[in-house]
Structure formats: C-alpha cells, structure tokens
C-alpha cells in the first residue's frame, strides 16, 4: 500500500455557548456540533519528506497548514522514520466556521495511521489531534457530539433524524476567529442556548423548540466583523428555512429545510455567495486504501 485517500467532512454548530475562560485565557464552550456532507478529500502517499499541496493556490502548505502539522506530529510521536506527500482537494471554504482545516488535520492523522500500520487507537489519535487544534478530535469522531472545555471534551449524542441544510458564505468576507472572540469579550451576547432542550427538539424535529433553545452566542459579535453574516441570516429566513444559525465563529450561515430539494432551490437567494446544499451525517473520517 503506497497511498490512502481520506474523506474529511465539514461540521456545523447547532449551538455554541461561551461559559467562561480557563487559566490560559482560552474561551470555554458548551456546544453541539454535527458533521455534514461537505467533504475535503485528502490523499496521503509515502515519501521521504513531508510535503503538502492543495487545489487552492492561496492556502499555506508549510507549518501553518494543519495537515502538515498532523504529519509532523505523527512521525515525531510514533518514531517512524519516513515522510509523506499530502494532497488536499478543498471543498470546504476557509474562514467559514466549518472546521475545514481541522478536518484536513484529522484526515491526515487517520490516513497515516493506516498507511504506516502504526496501530494507534482512537484514543491515542484523539490525544494527538488535540495537540493540533481543539476541533480536530471531534473531526476524527464525527457524528453529533456535545463538546465542552475548549471543544475537546466530547460526548456522543444519540440522534434519530437527518436534516437538509443550505450553507452560505460570502467568500470575500471570511470571519477572523480571534477578532470575533475579541468582539465577544466586549459585547457579550443577549442569548444563551439550552443544549439539553435543543437535543430533545432536534430528535423530535420540533422547529419551534429548536428556534427557542438553539443558536450561537458569537453571532452578534461576528456580525460586526462580517456584515454579510447578518444579511445572510435575514435572507435565509426569507428563503423559508425552518431554523437559521451561524457555524463556529462564522462566516457560514446555514438554514434547515424540509427537503434537500428545497435547500437546493434556496440557493437562488444567494447569487453572490458560496452556497452548498447538504445533509447532516453521522460520519467522521472515512478511509479508502489506494493500492
């Protein structure tokens, strides 16, 4: 086996609550995240050194790339004297709050574990993943999880339903995560989600209750960083979405629709945005060996 292909899904936040700060000054969170059917494809091949390439020329391919970080950490921690070539076919936009970079890092770790037959357990991979970024352990696991701490304390949630979504973002106005949190520290939020009640509403398909108890405490702050977020929330509601929220620290806004056809039809409301109709999934990283 000389190469492995990994499918790396994006995620949305059904909820995001900021609950405080830890001793390092990191924001503590309590949130519900779920993977969705927007995927990057990560191909990892054996090589003498670590190299990363992508289909997007503007993406960093050095130590600032999470796949590069993941590969470097993997070889350091396992003691395997080798390298790898990583090619990332990006479908998940950057600066979107969809954890595309974290997904690529998780996919690289999982692929290397298979490619080099390292035998790392899921728990061991998760420990490595956390050293790369707070969202990376979740991206390994996938599905629907409640995440606490800085996002690393994961609780799998049993779910009963799939939902059709439309995700939209103005690619010219990504949201800077540090800037959004800095604004939040000043502005705060007039809303706090109730995760327990939202889980029940999600399982029941109760959109009224989802709107009462779901949402993202960073939304108001993100709207001051990227004006199109507030605009897209309003347009998404006009398009008939049953539940509308923002993922992560932005800039993606998503709406829930009754059917995938309705979600796809609603793309016409966003002619100047990246818009992608998808479904919720219960998948994490999926590996395909390439002989």
Foldseek 3Di string as FASTA:
>chain_A
DFKKKKKFFWKFWQAWDFDQADPVRFTKIKTKMATWPFTKIKMKGWAQAEWEEEPDPPDDTDPVQLLNVLQVLLCVVLVDRTYIYMYIYDPDAPLALRCRSLRNNLLSNVGVCVNVVSPDDLVRSLVSSVVSHLCNNCLQQHGIWTATTSRSDTDHDDADDKWKKKKKDQSVQRFDQVQLVVLCVVVPAPDHADVVQCRVCRRVVPLVSSQVHTEYRSQVSRCVRPVVQVVVQVLLVVLPFSDWYGGHNRDMIMGTDPDLVSSVVSCVSPPNIDMDMIMTDRDHMDMDDDD
